[in-house]
Amino acid sequence: QVQLVDAGGGLGQAGGSLRLSCVASGLTFSTYGMGWFRQAPGKEREFVAAISRSGHTKGYADSVKGRFTISRDSAKNTLYLEMNSLKPEDTAVYYCAAESSRNYAGSDLRAYDYWGQGTQVTVSS
């Protein structure tokens, strides 16, 4: 049974930092491309960042480029999202996702097979 467990959300201040993690189980982590998405109230789920199976290819939404960093640790079956220079507009539920059909799925939400339960990030101004 595949499980993705998101953690690390919480309340942050504008200009501050938070680090999200996603621990995967029930799958061979190194064979899955991974991504982070977010969904704010009343809005559709949107792409944040993605990383290839090897970790060599990374992609970011324009809104977070230069502020967020995605990484993975295959020894720990864990995906990370380092979020710096937080803005109130980063407030959302953040979800990690895993896909097995491509090396790198990027922003294609439909390509992802498994999803975490989400972790709330709230940024105050």
Protein backbone atom coordinates (compact mmCIF):
# COMPACT_ATOMS: atom_id res chain seq x y z
CA GLN A 1 0.00 0.00 0.00
CA VAL A 2 1.50 3.27 -1.14
CA GLN A 3 1.51 6.11 1.39
CA LEU A 4 2.78 9.65 1.11
CA VAL A 5 2.79 11.51 4.41
CA ASP A 6 3.17 15.28 4.21
CA ALA A 7 4.47 17.22 7.19
CA GLY A 8 6.12 20.47 8.19
CA GLY A 9 3.38 22.97 7.49
CA GLY A 10 2.32 25.58 9.97
CA LEU A 11 2.22 29.30 10.53
CA GLY A 12 5.00 31.38 9.04
CA GLN A 13 5.67 35.08 8.76
CA ALA A 14 6.17 36.99 5.55
CA GLY A 15 9.85 36.84 4.72
CA GLY A 16 10.33 33.76 6.83
CA SER A 17 11.00 30.12 6.01
CA LEU A 18 9.35 26.74 6.34
CA ARG A 19 10.46 23.27 5.31
CA LEU A 20 7.99 20.65 4.17
CA SER A 21 8.72 16.94 4.03
CA CYS A 22 6.96 13.99 2.45
CA VAL A 23 7.82 10.46 3.54
CA ALA A 24 6.96 7.75 1.03
CA SER A 25 6.30 4.10 1.79
CA GLY A 26 5.04 1.12 -0.16
CA LEU A 27 6.91 2.09 -3.32
CA THR A 28 10.44 2.09 -4.69
CA PHE A 29 11.10 5.77 -4.13
CA SER A 30 13.98 6.07 -6.59
CA THR A 31 11.75 4.99 -9.50
CA TYR A 32 9.19 7.75 -8.96
CA GLY A 33 9.24 11.32 -10.14
CA MET A 34 7.96 13.59 -7.39
CA GLY A 35 6.19 16.91 -7.17
CA TRP A 36 4.68 19.49 -4.86
CA PHE A 37 1.34 21.12 -5.55
CA ARG A 38 -0.77 23.52 -3.53
CA GLN A 39 -4.39 24.54 -3.27
CA ALA A 40 -5.66 27.75 -1.76
CA PRO A 41 -9.30 28.17 -0.66
CA GLY A 42 -11.59 28.60 -3.64
CA LYS A 43 -8.81 27.93 -6.13
CA GLU A 44 -7.71 24.97 -8.20
CA ARG A 45 -4.74 22.86 -7.24
CA GLU A 46 -1.61 24.31 -8.82
CA PHE A 47 1.92 23.18 -9.53
CA VAL A 48 4.70 24.33 -7.23
CA ALA A 49 7.79 22.24 -7.98
CA ALA A 50 8.86 18.87 -9.39
CA ILE A 51 11.94 16.69 -9.38
CA SER A 52 13.01 13.75 -11.52
CA ARG A 53 13.75 10.26 -10.29
CA SER A 54 17.47 10.94 -10.07
CA GLY A 55 17.03 14.44 -8.71
CA HIS A 56 18.97 15.93 -11.60
CA THR A 57 16.00 17.66 -13.21
CA LYS A 58 13.98 20.19 -11.24
CA GLY A 59 11.25 22.59 -12.21
CA TYR A 60 9.41 25.40 -10.45
CA ALA A 61 6.35 27.54 -10.91
CA ASP A 62 7.25 31.12 -11.77
CA SER A 63 5.60 32.27 -8.56
CA VAL A 64 8.09 30.36 -6.38
CA LYS A 65 11.21 30.34 -8.53
CA GLY A 66 14.20 31.61 -6.62
CA ARG A 67 12.43 31.23 -3.26
CA PHE A 68 11.56 27.51 -3.03
CA THR A 69 13.88 24.53 -3.44
CA ILE A 70 12.78 20.95 -4.04
CA SER A 71 15.04 18.06 -3.11
CA ARG A 72 14.89 14.36 -2.39
CA ASP A 73 16.75 11.86 -0.24
CA SER A 74 16.33 8.35 -1.59
CA ALA A 75 18.06 6.82 1.43
CA LYS A 76 15.24 8.22 3.58
CA ASN A 77 12.43 7.90 1.01
CA THR A 78 11.75 11.56 1.62
CA LEU A 79 10.89 14.55 -0.53
CA TYR A 80 11.50 18.09 0.73
CA LEU A 81 10.37 21.59 -0.12
CA GLU A 82 12.44 24.39 1.37
CA MET A 83 10.38 27.57 1.31
CA ASN A 84 12.13 30.90 1.86
CA SER A 85 11.04 34.53 1.56
CA LEU A 86 7.49 33.47 2.26
CA LYS A 87 4.62 35.62 1.05
CA PRO A 88 1.00 35.70 2.22
CA GLU A 89 0.01 34.41 -1.22
CA ASP A 90 1.89 31.18 -0.45
CA THR A 91 -0.88 30.32 1.99
CA ALA A 92 -2.42 27.01 0.89
CA VAL A 93 -2.60 23.30 1.57
CA TYR A 94 0.52 21.73 0.12
CA TYR A 95 0.47 18.21 -1.34
CA CYS A 96 3.29 15.96 -2.43
CA ALA A 97 2.71 13.61 -5.33
CA ALA A 98 4.43 10.65 -6.98
CA GLU A 99 4.38 9.40 -10.55
CA SER A 100 5.93 6.30 -12.11
CA SER A 101 5.24 6.58 -15.84
CA ARG A 102 7.80 9.27 -16.67
CA ASN A 103 11.22 10.28 -15.43
CA TYR A 104 9.92 13.78 -14.87
CA ALA A 105 6.24 14.76 -14.99
CA GLY A 106 6.71 18.39 -14.09
CA SER A 107 3.52 20.40 -13.79
CA ASP A 108 1.24 17.78 -15.37
CA LEU A 109 -1.09 17.12 -12.45
CA ARG A 110 -2.81 14.26 -14.30
CA ALA A 111 0.44 12.31 -14.52
CA TYR A 112 0.73 11.80 -10.78
CA ASP A 113 -0.48 8.50 -9.39
CA TYR A 114 -0.30 9.03 -5.64
CA TRP A 115 -0.94 12.01 -3.39
CA GLY A 116 -0.20 12.93 0.19
CA GLN A 117 -2.90 14.06 2.57
CA GLY A 118 -1.75 17.66 2.49
CA THR A 119 -0.22 20.00 5.03
CA GLN A 120 -1.49 23.52 5.72
CA VAL A 121 0.86 26.45 5.26
CA THR A 122 -0.33 29.84 6.47
CA VAL A 123 1.78 32.94 5.98
CA SER A 124 0.93 36.07 7.91
CA SER A 125 1.86 39.54 6.71
